[in-house]
Amino acid sequence: MNYIVLFDVVHIYIYIYIYIYIYFAYFNSIASYGIILGRNSSNRKKIFTLQKRIIRIMVGAYPRTSCRRLFKKLDILTVPRQYIYSLMSFFIENQEKFQTNSSVHNINTRNKHHFHRPVANILTPCDC
């Protein structure tokens, strides 16, 4: 009897790993390129909803089940977190392209090693 239960558990995990491979081969690759090319797209809510639907199908959960635990269980990043991750990895790989506060002014402050955020005044009208 224990062998049957063990086989059922292993059988379920094999299918989950196959689903994970398919997920990363199809959906995640397309979503990653969409993040790179589309930046902060207007369809991000639809993509996130589609991602949650795929995760529920992978696990066999009901359509109204919360996906928060499912993402953690499968070690999959949500689309918004993938976007943040891609921004942070770009920032880390290209640190030399950004200015620090000490390169902008010579004032010795505790934030002199932080990166400088340029100020953009978009509220003033332009005489173009």
C-alpha atoms as a PDB file:
ATOM      1  CA  MET A   1       0.000   0.000   0.000  1.00  0.00           C
ATOM      2  CA  ASN A   2       2.818   2.452   0.794  1.00  0.00           C
ATOM      3  CA  TYR A   3       4.360   1.895  -2.632  1.00  0.00           C
ATOM      4  CA  ILE A   4       1.135   2.960  -4.342  1.00  0.00           C
ATOM      5  CA  VAL A   5       0.959   6.185  -2.319  1.00  0.00           C
ATOM      6  CA  LEU A   6       4.637   6.849  -3.006  1.00  0.00           C
ATOM      7  CA  PHE A   7       4.099   6.261  -6.732  1.00  0.00           C
ATOM      8  CA  ASP A   8       1.152   8.676  -6.759  1.00  0.00           C
ATOM      9  CA  VAL A   9       3.201  11.365  -5.015  1.00  0.00           C
ATOM     10  CA  VAL A  10       6.172  10.894  -7.348  1.00  0.00           C
ATOM     11  CA  HIS A  11       3.814  10.801 -10.335  1.00  0.00           C
ATOM     12  CA  ILE A  12       2.339  14.170  -9.318  1.00  0.00           C
ATOM     13  CA  TYR A  13       5.786  15.741  -8.856  1.00  0.00           C
ATOM     14  CA  ILE A  14       6.957  14.471 -12.219  1.00  0.00           C
ATOM     15  CA  TYR A  15       4.037  16.191 -13.863  1.00  0.00           C
ATOM     16  CA  ILE A  16       4.682  19.402 -11.930  1.00  0.00           C
ATOM     17  CA  TYR A  17       8.302  19.466 -13.099  1.00  0.00           C
ATOM     18  CA  ILE A  18       7.220  18.846 -16.686  1.00  0.00           C
ATOM     19  CA  TYR A  19       4.762  21.722 -16.322  1.00  0.00           C
ATOM     20  CA  ILE A  20       7.551  23.915 -14.943  1.00  0.00           C
ATOM     21  CA  TYR A  21       9.784  23.123 -17.924  1.00  0.00           C
ATOM     22  CA  ILE A  22       6.964  23.925 -20.317  1.00  0.00           C
ATOM     23  CA  TYR A  23       6.206  27.122 -18.384  1.00  0.00           C
ATOM     24  CA  PHE A  24       9.800  28.354 -18.601  1.00  0.00           C
ATOM     25  CA  ALA A  25      10.114  27.296 -22.251  1.00  0.00           C
ATOM     26  CA  TYR A  26       7.000  29.081 -23.441  1.00  0.00           C
ATOM     27  CA  PHE A  27       5.405  31.619 -21.140  1.00  0.00           C
ATOM     28  CA  ASN A  28       8.427  32.859 -19.201  1.00  0.00           C
ATOM     29  CA  SER A  29      10.572  33.374 -22.292  1.00  0.00           C
ATOM     30  CA  ILE A  30       7.824  35.369 -24.019  1.00  0.00           C
ATOM     31  CA  ALA A  31       7.101  37.368 -20.842  1.00  0.00           C
ATOM     32  CA  SER A  32      10.816  38.129 -20.395  1.00  0.00           C
ATOM     33  CA  TYR A  33      11.117  39.454 -23.933  1.00  0.00           C
ATOM     34  CA  GLY A  34       7.930  41.424 -23.388  1.00  0.00           C
ATOM     35  CA  ILE A  35       9.455  43.010 -20.296  1.00  0.00           C
ATOM     36  CA  ILE A  36      12.614  43.940 -22.201  1.00  0.00           C
ATOM     37  CA  LEU A  37      10.899  45.231 -25.329  1.00  0.00           C
ATOM     38  CA  GLY A  38       7.584  46.454 -23.987  1.00  0.00           C
ATOM     39  CA  ARG A  39       8.920  48.041 -20.801  1.00  0.00           C
ATOM     40  CA  ASN A  40       5.928  48.922 -18.656  1.00  0.00           C
ATOM     41  CA  SER A  41       3.223  47.803 -21.053  1.00  0.00           C
ATOM     42  CA  SER A  42      -0.458  48.599 -20.739  1.00  0.00           C
ATOM     43  CA  ASN A  43      -1.217  44.875 -21.051  1.00  0.00           C
ATOM     44  CA  ARG A  44       0.681  43.974 -17.894  1.00  0.00           C
ATOM     45  CA  LYS A  45      -2.509  43.203 -15.963  1.00  0.00           C
ATOM     46  CA  LYS A  46      -3.674  40.783 -18.667  1.00  0.00           C
ATOM     47  CA  ILE A  47      -0.255  39.119 -18.727  1.00  0.00           C
ATOM     48  CA  PHE A  48      -0.235  38.774 -14.931  1.00  0.00           C
ATOM     49  CA  THR A  49      -3.764  37.315 -14.990  1.00  0.00           C
ATOM     50  CA  LEU A  50      -2.671  34.852 -17.673  1.00  0.00           C
ATOM     51  CA  GLN A  51       0.362  33.903 -15.593  1.00  0.00           C
ATOM     52  CA  LYS A  52      -1.822  33.211 -12.557  1.00  0.00           C
ATOM     53  CA  ARG A  53      -4.173  31.125 -14.684  1.00  0.00           C
ATOM     54  CA  ILE A  54      -1.243  29.051 -15.977  1.00  0.00           C
ATOM     55  CA  ILE A  55       0.071  28.517 -12.437  1.00  0.00           C
ATOM     56  CA  ARG A  56      -3.354  27.316 -11.275  1.00  0.00           C
ATOM     57  CA  ILE A  57      -3.542  24.871 -14.185  1.00  0.00           C
ATOM     58  CA  MET A  58      -0.052  23.573 -13.417  1.00  0.00           C
ATOM     59  CA  VAL A  59      -0.921  22.790  -9.827  1.00  0.00           C
ATOM     60  CA  GLY A  60      -4.518  21.786 -10.458  1.00  0.00           C
ATOM     61  CA  ALA A  61      -5.945  24.486  -8.206  1.00  0.00           C
ATOM     62  CA  TYR A  62      -9.396  25.997  -8.446  1.00  0.00           C
ATOM     63  CA  PRO A  63      -9.809  29.158 -10.552  1.00  0.00           C
ATOM     64  CA  ARG A  64     -10.330  31.405  -7.530  1.00  0.00           C
ATOM     65  CA  THR A  65      -7.425  30.030  -5.490  1.00  0.00           C
ATOM     66  CA  SER A  66      -4.848  32.574  -4.336  1.00  0.00           C
ATOM     67  CA  CYS A  67      -1.586  32.175  -6.243  1.00  0.00           C
ATOM     68  CA  ARG A  68       0.754  33.720  -3.690  1.00  0.00           C
ATOM     69  CA  ARG A  69       1.666  30.380  -2.091  1.00  0.00           C
ATOM     70  CA  LEU A  70       1.726  28.657  -5.466  1.00  0.00           C
ATOM     71  CA  PHE A  71       4.364  31.040  -6.813  1.00  0.00           C
ATOM     72  CA  LYS A  72       6.492  30.416  -3.720  1.00  0.00           C
ATOM     73  CA  LYS A  73       5.973  26.665  -3.927  1.00  0.00           C
ATOM     74  CA  LEU A  74       7.058  26.527  -7.569  1.00  0.00           C
ATOM     75  CA  ASP A  75       9.873  29.113  -7.150  1.00  0.00           C
ATOM     76  CA  ILE A  76       8.502  31.237  -9.983  1.00  0.00           C
ATOM     77  CA  LEU A  77       8.667  35.023 -10.063  1.00  0.00           C
ATOM     78  CA  THR A  78       5.526  36.939 -10.877  1.00  0.00           C
ATOM     79  CA  VAL A  79       5.610  39.198 -13.942  1.00  0.00           C
ATOM     80  CA  PRO A  80       5.843  42.401 -11.824  1.00  0.00           C
ATOM     81  CA  ARG A  81       8.723  40.897  -9.861  1.00  0.00           C
ATOM     82  CA  GLN A  82      10.416  39.832 -13.090  1.00  0.00           C
ATOM     83  CA  TYR A  83      10.160  43.446 -14.232  1.00  0.00           C
ATOM     84  CA  ILE A  84      11.775  44.699 -11.002  1.00  0.00           C
ATOM     85  CA  TYR A  85      14.440  41.999 -11.235  1.00  0.00           C
ATOM     86  CA  SER A  86      15.307  42.925 -14.818  1.00  0.00           C
ATOM     87  CA  LEU A  87      15.555  46.619 -13.878  1.00  0.00           C
ATOM     88  CA  MET A  88      17.801  45.861 -10.912  1.00  0.00           C
ATOM     89  CA  SER A  89      20.046  43.534 -12.909  1.00  0.00           C
ATOM     90  CA  PHE A  90      20.395  46.197 -15.634  1.00  0.00           C
ATOM     91  CA  PHE A  91      21.221  48.773 -12.964  1.00  0.00           C
ATOM     92  CA  ILE A  92      23.846  46.556 -11.344  1.00  0.00           C
ATOM     93  CA  GLU A  93      25.459  45.605 -14.663  1.00  0.00           C
ATOM     94  CA  ASN A  94      25.650  49.248 -15.809  1.00  0.00           C
ATOM     95  CA  GLN A  95      26.609  51.121 -12.637  1.00  0.00           C
ATOM     96  CA  GLU A  96      29.334  53.061 -14.429  1.00  0.00           C
ATOM     97  CA  LYS A  97      26.701  54.785 -16.583  1.00  0.00           C
ATOM     98  CA  PHE A  98      25.041  56.403 -13.556  1.00  0.00           C
ATOM     99  CA  GLN A  99      26.328  59.335 -11.494  1.00  0.00           C
ATOM    100  CA  THR A 100      26.764  59.378  -7.735  1.00  0.00           C
ATOM    101  CA  ASN A 101      25.922  62.351  -5.549  1.00  0.00           C
ATOM    102  CA  SER A 102      29.631  63.012  -4.956  1.00  0.00           C
ATOM    103  CA  SER A 103      30.224  63.354  -8.704  1.00  0.00           C
ATOM    104  CA  VAL A 104      27.462  65.996  -8.967  1.00  0.00           C
ATOM    105  CA  HIS A 105      28.527  68.163  -6.017  1.00  0.00           C
ATOM    106  CA  ASN A 106      31.477  68.298  -3.618  1.00  0.00           C
ATOM    107  CA  ILE A 107      29.467  68.461  -0.410  1.00  0.00           C
ATOM    108  CA  ASN A 108      30.513  65.762   2.049  1.00  0.00           C
ATOM    109  CA  THR A 109      27.196  64.172   3.031  1.00  0.00           C
ATOM    110  CA  ARG A 110      26.285  60.724   4.270  1.00  0.00           C
ATOM    111  CA  ASN A 111      24.534  60.065   0.937  1.00  0.00           C
ATOM    112  CA  LYS A 112      27.498  60.988  -1.239  1.00  0.00           C
ATOM    113  CA  HIS A 113      27.904  57.385  -2.469  1.00  0.00           C
ATOM    114  CA  HIS A 114      24.235  56.995  -3.384  1.00  0.00           C
ATOM    115  CA  PHE A 115      23.254  57.274  -7.010  1.00  0.00           C
ATOM    116  CA  HIS A 116      22.094  60.697  -8.149  1.00  0.00           C
ATOM    117  CA  ARG A 117      18.478  60.992  -9.257  1.00  0.00           C
ATOM    118  CA  PRO A 118      18.169  63.710 -11.858  1.00  0.00           C
ATOM    119  CA  VAL A 119      15.343  66.160 -11.297  1.00  0.00           C
ATOM    120  CA  ALA A 120      12.879  66.463 -14.146  1.00  0.00           C
ATOM    121  CA  ASN A 121      10.348  69.256 -14.069  1.00  0.00           C
ATOM    122  CA  ILE A 122       7.611  68.111 -16.416  1.00  0.00           C
ATOM    123  CA  LEU A 123       4.982  70.518 -15.110  1.00  0.00           C
ATOM    124  CA  THR A 124       6.480  73.693 -16.569  1.00  0.00           C
ATOM    125  CA  PRO A 125       5.384  74.471 -20.108  1.00  0.00           C
ATOM    126  CA  CYS A 126       7.996  74.371 -22.803  1.00  0.00           C
ATOM    127  CA  ASP A 127       8.451  77.226 -25.302  1.00  0.00           C
ATOM    128  CA  CYS A 128       9.412  74.959 -28.164  1.00  0.00           C
END
